[in-house]
Amino acid sequence: QVQLVESGGGLVQPGGSLGLSCAASGTIYGLTAMGWYRQAPGKKRELVARMTSDGSTDYSDSVKGRFTISRDNAKNTAYLQMNNLKPEDTAVYYCNVELRVSLSTRNYWGQGTQVTVSS
Protein backbone atom coordinates (compact mmCIF):
# COMPACT_ATOMS: atom_id res chain seq x y z
CA GLN A 1 0.00 0.00 0.00
CA VAL A 2 1.29 3.41 -1.00
CA GLN A 3 0.56 6.61 0.87
CA LEU A 4 1.12 10.02 -0.68
CA VAL A 5 1.14 13.13 1.45
CA GLU A 6 1.11 16.49 -0.25
CA SER A 7 2.09 19.87 1.09
CA GLY A 8 2.88 23.36 -0.12
CA GLY A 9 -0.40 24.66 -1.47
CA GLY A 10 -1.72 28.08 -0.70
CA LEU A 11 -2.63 31.50 -1.99
CA VAL A 12 -0.28 33.38 -4.25
CA GLN A 13 -0.53 36.47 -6.43
CA PRO A 14 -0.24 36.30 -10.20
CA GLY A 15 3.40 36.13 -11.18
CA GLY A 16 4.34 34.57 -7.90
CA SER A 17 5.84 31.20 -7.14
CA LEU A 18 4.87 28.18 -5.11
CA GLY A 19 6.46 24.82 -4.45
CA LEU A 20 4.59 21.58 -3.85
CA SER A 21 5.93 18.45 -2.24
CA CYS A 22 4.69 14.88 -2.33
CA ALA A 23 6.15 12.35 0.08
CA ALA A 24 5.57 8.70 -0.69
CA SER A 25 5.65 5.91 1.85
CA GLY A 26 4.64 2.29 2.12
CA THR A 27 5.36 -0.57 -0.19
CA ILE A 28 6.72 0.87 -3.40
CA TYR A 29 7.69 -1.44 -6.20
CA GLY A 30 7.38 -1.34 -9.94
CA LEU A 31 7.47 2.46 -9.91
CA THR A 32 7.20 3.81 -13.43
CA ALA A 33 6.27 7.42 -12.89
CA MET A 34 5.39 10.18 -10.49
CA GLY A 35 3.42 13.18 -11.51
CA TRP A 36 1.19 16.08 -10.72
CA TYR A 37 -2.35 16.59 -11.90
CA ARG A 38 -4.83 19.35 -11.21
CA GLN A 39 -8.55 19.83 -11.25
CA ALA A 40 -10.41 23.11 -11.26
CA PRO A 41 -14.12 23.38 -10.39
CA GLY A 42 -16.25 22.15 -13.25
CA LYS A 43 -13.27 20.82 -15.17
CA LYS A 44 -11.72 17.43 -15.67
CA ARG A 45 -8.52 16.44 -13.99
CA GLU A 46 -5.59 17.19 -16.24
CA LEU A 47 -1.93 16.36 -16.38
CA VAL A 48 0.42 19.06 -15.18
CA ALA A 49 3.77 17.32 -15.14
CA ARG A 50 5.03 13.77 -15.09
CA MET A 51 8.40 12.17 -14.56
CA THR A 52 9.15 8.56 -15.38
CA SER A 53 11.52 6.38 -13.41
CA ASP A 54 14.32 7.03 -15.89
CA GLY A 55 14.02 10.78 -15.44
CA SER A 56 12.11 11.63 -18.57
CA THR A 57 9.62 14.47 -18.10
CA ASP A 58 6.40 15.53 -19.69
CA TYR A 59 4.57 18.81 -19.17
CA SER A 60 1.25 20.22 -20.11
CA ASP A 61 1.65 22.89 -22.77
CA SER A 62 0.03 25.40 -20.47
CA VAL A 63 2.78 25.09 -17.86
CA LYS A 64 5.88 24.51 -19.98
CA GLY A 65 8.59 26.97 -19.13
CA ARG A 66 6.93 27.87 -15.84
CA PHE A 67 6.69 24.65 -13.86
CA THR A 68 9.41 22.17 -13.04
CA ILE A 69 8.97 18.66 -11.70
CA SER A 70 11.76 17.05 -9.76
CA ARG A 71 12.33 14.08 -7.51
CA ASP A 72 14.48 13.05 -4.60
CA ASN A 73 14.77 9.29 -4.80
CA ALA A 74 16.45 8.97 -1.42
CA LYS A 75 13.49 10.67 0.24
CA ASN A 76 10.82 9.20 -2.02
CA THR A 77 9.60 12.71 -2.59
CA ALA A 78 8.42 14.49 -5.70
CA TYR A 79 8.33 18.24 -6.12
CA LEU A 80 6.61 20.71 -8.34
CA GLN A 81 8.10 24.18 -8.55
CA MET A 82 5.59 26.60 -9.98
CA ASN A 83 6.77 29.97 -11.21
CA ASN A 84 5.03 32.84 -12.95
CA LEU A 85 1.71 31.61 -11.70
CA LYS A 86 -1.47 32.66 -13.45
CA PRO A 87 -5.08 32.74 -12.26
CA GLU A 88 -5.75 29.88 -14.67
CA ASP A 89 -3.45 27.73 -12.55
CA THR A 90 -5.95 27.83 -9.71
CA ALA A 91 -6.96 24.26 -8.94
CA VAL A 92 -6.58 21.38 -6.56
CA TYR A 93 -3.27 19.73 -7.29
CA TYR A 94 -2.89 16.00 -6.85
CA CYS A 95 0.26 13.97 -6.63
CA ASN A 96 0.24 10.68 -8.50
CA VAL A 97 2.37 7.58 -8.37
CA GLU A 98 2.18 4.96 -11.08
CA LEU A 99 3.16 1.38 -10.40
CA ARG A 100 3.32 -1.36 -12.97
CA VAL A 101 3.51 -4.99 -11.97
CA SER A 102 3.25 -7.55 -14.72
CA LEU A 103 0.54 -6.30 -17.07
CA SER A 104 -1.34 -4.24 -14.53
CA THR A 105 -1.04 -0.55 -13.74
CA ARG A 106 -1.81 0.87 -10.35
CA ASN A 107 -2.26 4.53 -9.60
CA TYR A 108 -2.10 6.12 -6.17
CA TRP A 109 -3.14 9.66 -5.40
CA GLY A 110 -2.36 12.22 -2.80
CA GLN A 111 -5.08 13.98 -0.86
CA GLY A 112 -4.87 17.09 -3.00
CA THR A 113 -3.69 20.55 -2.12
CA GLN A 114 -5.37 23.79 -3.10
CA VAL A 115 -3.46 26.31 -5.14
CA THR A 116 -5.15 29.66 -5.58
CA VAL A 117 -3.69 32.38 -7.78
CA SER A 118 -5.44 35.66 -7.23
CA SER A 119 -4.72 39.33 -6.77
C-alpha atoms as a PDB file:
ATOM      1  CA  GLN A   1       0.000   0.000   0.000  1.00  0.00           C
ATOM      2  CA  VAL A   2       1.294   3.411  -0.996  1.00  0.00           C
ATOM      3  CA  GLN A   3       0.560   6.610   0.868  1.00  0.00           C
ATOM      4  CA  LEU A   4       1.119  10.016  -0.682  1.00  0.00           C
ATOM      5  CA  VAL A   5       1.143  13.132   1.450  1.00  0.00           C
ATOM      6  CA  GLU A   6       1.112  16.494  -0.252  1.00  0.00           C
ATOM      7  CA  SER A   7       2.095  19.868   1.094  1.00  0.00           C
ATOM      8  CA  GLY A   8       2.880  23.361  -0.115  1.00  0.00           C
ATOM      9  CA  GLY A   9      -0.397  24.655  -1.474  1.00  0.00           C
ATOM     10  CA  GLY A  10      -1.723  28.080  -0.701  1.00  0.00           C
ATOM     11  CA  LEU A  11      -2.632  31.497  -1.985  1.00  0.00           C
ATOM     12  CA  VAL A  12      -0.282  33.383  -4.249  1.00  0.00           C
ATOM     13  CA  GLN A  13      -0.529  36.473  -6.426  1.00  0.00           C
ATOM     14  CA  PRO A  14      -0.239  36.304 -10.204  1.00  0.00           C
ATOM     15  CA  GLY A  15       3.405  36.127 -11.183  1.00  0.00           C
ATOM     16  CA  GLY A  16       4.340  34.568  -7.896  1.00  0.00           C
ATOM     17  CA  SER A  17       5.836  31.196  -7.139  1.00  0.00           C
ATOM     18  CA  LEU A  18       4.875  28.181  -5.113  1.00  0.00           C
ATOM     19  CA  GLY A  19       6.460  24.818  -4.452  1.00  0.00           C
ATOM     20  CA  LEU A  20       4.594  21.581  -3.854  1.00  0.00           C
ATOM     21  CA  SER A  21       5.933  18.445  -2.240  1.00  0.00           C
ATOM     22  CA  CYS A  22       4.695  14.878  -2.334  1.00  0.00           C
ATOM     23  CA  ALA A  23       6.149  12.354   0.080  1.00  0.00           C
ATOM     24  CA  ALA A  24       5.571   8.702  -0.686  1.00  0.00           C
ATOM     25  CA  SER A  25       5.651   5.914   1.847  1.00  0.00           C
ATOM     26  CA  GLY A  26       4.642   2.294   2.122  1.00  0.00           C
ATOM     27  CA  THR A  27       5.362  -0.572  -0.193  1.00  0.00           C
ATOM     28  CA  ILE A  28       6.719   0.866  -3.405  1.00  0.00           C
ATOM     29  CA  TYR A  29       7.691  -1.439  -6.200  1.00  0.00           C
ATOM     30  CA  GLY A  30       7.379  -1.338  -9.935  1.00  0.00           C
ATOM     31  CA  LEU A  31       7.475   2.456  -9.909  1.00  0.00           C
ATOM     32  CA  THR A  32       7.199   3.805 -13.427  1.00  0.00           C
ATOM     33  CA  ALA A  33       6.269   7.423 -12.892  1.00  0.00           C
ATOM     34  CA  MET A  34       5.388  10.179 -10.494  1.00  0.00           C
ATOM     35  CA  GLY A  35       3.422  13.184 -11.511  1.00  0.00           C
ATOM     36  CA  TRP A  36       1.189  16.084 -10.723  1.00  0.00           C
ATOM     37  CA  TYR A  37      -2.354  16.593 -11.900  1.00  0.00           C
ATOM     38  CA  ARG A  38      -4.828  19.345 -11.209  1.00  0.00           C
ATOM     39  CA  GLN A  39      -8.548  19.832 -11.250  1.00  0.00           C
ATOM     40  CA  ALA A  40     -10.413  23.111 -11.258  1.00  0.00           C
ATOM     41  CA  PRO A  41     -14.117  23.380 -10.391  1.00  0.00           C
ATOM     42  CA  GLY A  42     -16.251  22.150 -13.254  1.00  0.00           C
ATOM     43  CA  LYS A  43     -13.273  20.820 -15.167  1.00  0.00           C
ATOM     44  CA  LYS A  44     -11.724  17.432 -15.674  1.00  0.00           C
ATOM     45  CA  ARG A  45      -8.522  16.439 -13.986  1.00  0.00           C
ATOM     46  CA  GLU A  46      -5.586  17.194 -16.237  1.00  0.00           C
ATOM     47  CA  LEU A  47      -1.929  16.356 -16.377  1.00  0.00           C
ATOM     48  CA  VAL A  48       0.420  19.063 -15.184  1.00  0.00           C
ATOM     49  CA  ALA A  49       3.767  17.319 -15.135  1.00  0.00           C
ATOM     50  CA  ARG A  50       5.030  13.772 -15.089  1.00  0.00           C
ATOM     51  CA  MET A  51       8.401  12.168 -14.559  1.00  0.00           C
ATOM     52  CA  THR A  52       9.150   8.561 -15.382  1.00  0.00           C
ATOM     53  CA  SER A  53      11.522   6.385 -13.415  1.00  0.00           C
ATOM     54  CA  ASP A  54      14.320   7.033 -15.892  1.00  0.00           C
ATOM     55  CA  GLY A  55      14.021  10.782 -15.435  1.00  0.00           C
ATOM     56  CA  SER A  56      12.108  11.635 -18.571  1.00  0.00           C
ATOM     57  CA  THR A  57       9.625  14.473 -18.097  1.00  0.00           C
ATOM     58  CA  ASP A  58       6.398  15.530 -19.695  1.00  0.00           C
ATOM     59  CA  TYR A  59       4.574  18.813 -19.171  1.00  0.00           C
ATOM     60  CA  SER A  60       1.246  20.218 -20.114  1.00  0.00           C
ATOM     61  CA  ASP A  61       1.648  22.887 -22.774  1.00  0.00           C
ATOM     62  CA  SER A  62       0.030  25.396 -20.465  1.00  0.00           C
ATOM     63  CA  VAL A  63       2.784  25.086 -17.861  1.00  0.00           C
ATOM     64  CA  LYS A  64       5.883  24.513 -19.981  1.00  0.00           C
ATOM     65  CA  GLY A  65       8.591  26.974 -19.128  1.00  0.00           C
ATOM     66  CA  ARG A  66       6.931  27.874 -15.844  1.00  0.00           C
ATOM     67  CA  PHE A  67       6.685  24.647 -13.861  1.00  0.00           C
ATOM     68  CA  THR A  68       9.409  22.169 -13.043  1.00  0.00           C
ATOM     69  CA  ILE A  69       8.968  18.663 -11.700  1.00  0.00           C
ATOM     70  CA  SER A  70      11.763  17.047  -9.757  1.00  0.00           C
ATOM     71  CA  ARG A  71      12.331  14.084  -7.507  1.00  0.00           C
ATOM     72  CA  ASP A  72      14.483  13.049  -4.597  1.00  0.00           C
ATOM     73  CA  ASN A  73      14.768   9.285  -4.800  1.00  0.00           C
ATOM     74  CA  ALA A  74      16.450   8.975  -1.423  1.00  0.00           C
ATOM     75  CA  LYS A  75      13.491  10.672   0.243  1.00  0.00           C
ATOM     76  CA  ASN A  76      10.823   9.196  -2.019  1.00  0.00           C
ATOM     77  CA  THR A  77       9.597  12.705  -2.589  1.00  0.00           C
ATOM     78  CA  ALA A  78       8.417  14.490  -5.698  1.00  0.00           C
ATOM     79  CA  TYR A  79       8.330  18.237  -6.116  1.00  0.00           C
ATOM     80  CA  LEU A  80       6.611  20.713  -8.343  1.00  0.00           C
ATOM     81  CA  GLN A  81       8.103  24.178  -8.552  1.00  0.00           C
ATOM     82  CA  MET A  82       5.592  26.599  -9.982  1.00  0.00           C
ATOM     83  CA  ASN A  83       6.769  29.974 -11.212  1.00  0.00           C
ATOM     84  CA  ASN A  84       5.029  32.845 -12.945  1.00  0.00           C
ATOM     85  CA  LEU A  85       1.707  31.609 -11.704  1.00  0.00           C
ATOM     86  CA  LYS A  86      -1.467  32.662 -13.451  1.00  0.00           C
ATOM     87  CA  PRO A  87      -5.084  32.745 -12.259  1.00  0.00           C
ATOM     88  CA  GLU A  88      -5.747  29.885 -14.674  1.00  0.00           C
ATOM     89  CA  ASP A  89      -3.449  27.726 -12.555  1.00  0.00           C
ATOM     90  CA  THR A  90      -5.949  27.826  -9.714  1.00  0.00           C
ATOM     91  CA  ALA A  91      -6.964  24.262  -8.937  1.00  0.00           C
ATOM     92  CA  VAL A  92      -6.582  21.383  -6.556  1.00  0.00           C
ATOM     93  CA  TYR A  93      -3.274  19.726  -7.287  1.00  0.00           C
ATOM     94  CA  TYR A  94      -2.886  15.997  -6.854  1.00  0.00           C
ATOM     95  CA  CYS A  95       0.262  13.970  -6.633  1.00  0.00           C
ATOM     96  CA  ASN A  96       0.243  10.683  -8.498  1.00  0.00           C
ATOM     97  CA  VAL A  97       2.372   7.575  -8.370  1.00  0.00           C
ATOM     98  CA  GLU A  98       2.175   4.963 -11.082  1.00  0.00           C
ATOM     99  CA  LEU A  99       3.157   1.384 -10.399  1.00  0.00           C
ATOM    100  CA  ARG A 100       3.318  -1.358 -12.972  1.00  0.00           C
ATOM    101  CA  VAL A 101       3.506  -4.993 -11.972  1.00  0.00           C
ATOM    102  CA  SER A 102       3.248  -7.551 -14.723  1.00  0.00           C
ATOM    103  CA  LEU A 103       0.535  -6.302 -17.066  1.00  0.00           C
ATOM    104  CA  SER A 104      -1.340  -4.241 -14.526  1.00  0.00           C
ATOM    105  CA  THR A 105      -1.044  -0.555 -13.744  1.00  0.00           C
ATOM    106  CA  ARG A 106      -1.811   0.873 -10.346  1.00  0.00           C
ATOM    107  CA  ASN A 107      -2.256   4.535  -9.597  1.00  0.00           C
ATOM    108  CA  TYR A 108      -2.102   6.119  -6.174  1.00  0.00           C
ATOM    109  CA  TRP A 109      -3.137   9.656  -5.405  1.00  0.00           C
ATOM    110  CA  GLY A 110      -2.356  12.221  -2.797  1.00  0.00           C
ATOM    111  CA  GLN A 111      -5.082  13.980  -0.861  1.00  0.00           C
ATOM    112  CA  GLY A 112      -4.866  17.086  -3.003  1.00  0.00           C
ATOM    113  CA  THR A 113      -3.687  20.551  -2.125  1.00  0.00           C
ATOM    114  CA  GLN A 114      -5.374  23.795  -3.098  1.00  0.00           C
ATOM    115  CA  VAL A 115      -3.455  26.314  -5.143  1.00  0.00           C
ATOM    116  CA  THR A 116      -5.146  29.656  -5.580  1.00  0.00           C
ATOM    117  CA  VAL A 117      -3.691  32.376  -7.779  1.00  0.00           C
ATOM    118  CA  SER A 118      -5.443  35.656  -7.234  1.00  0.00           C
ATOM    119  CA  SER A 119      -4.722  39.331  -6.768  1.00  0.00           C
END
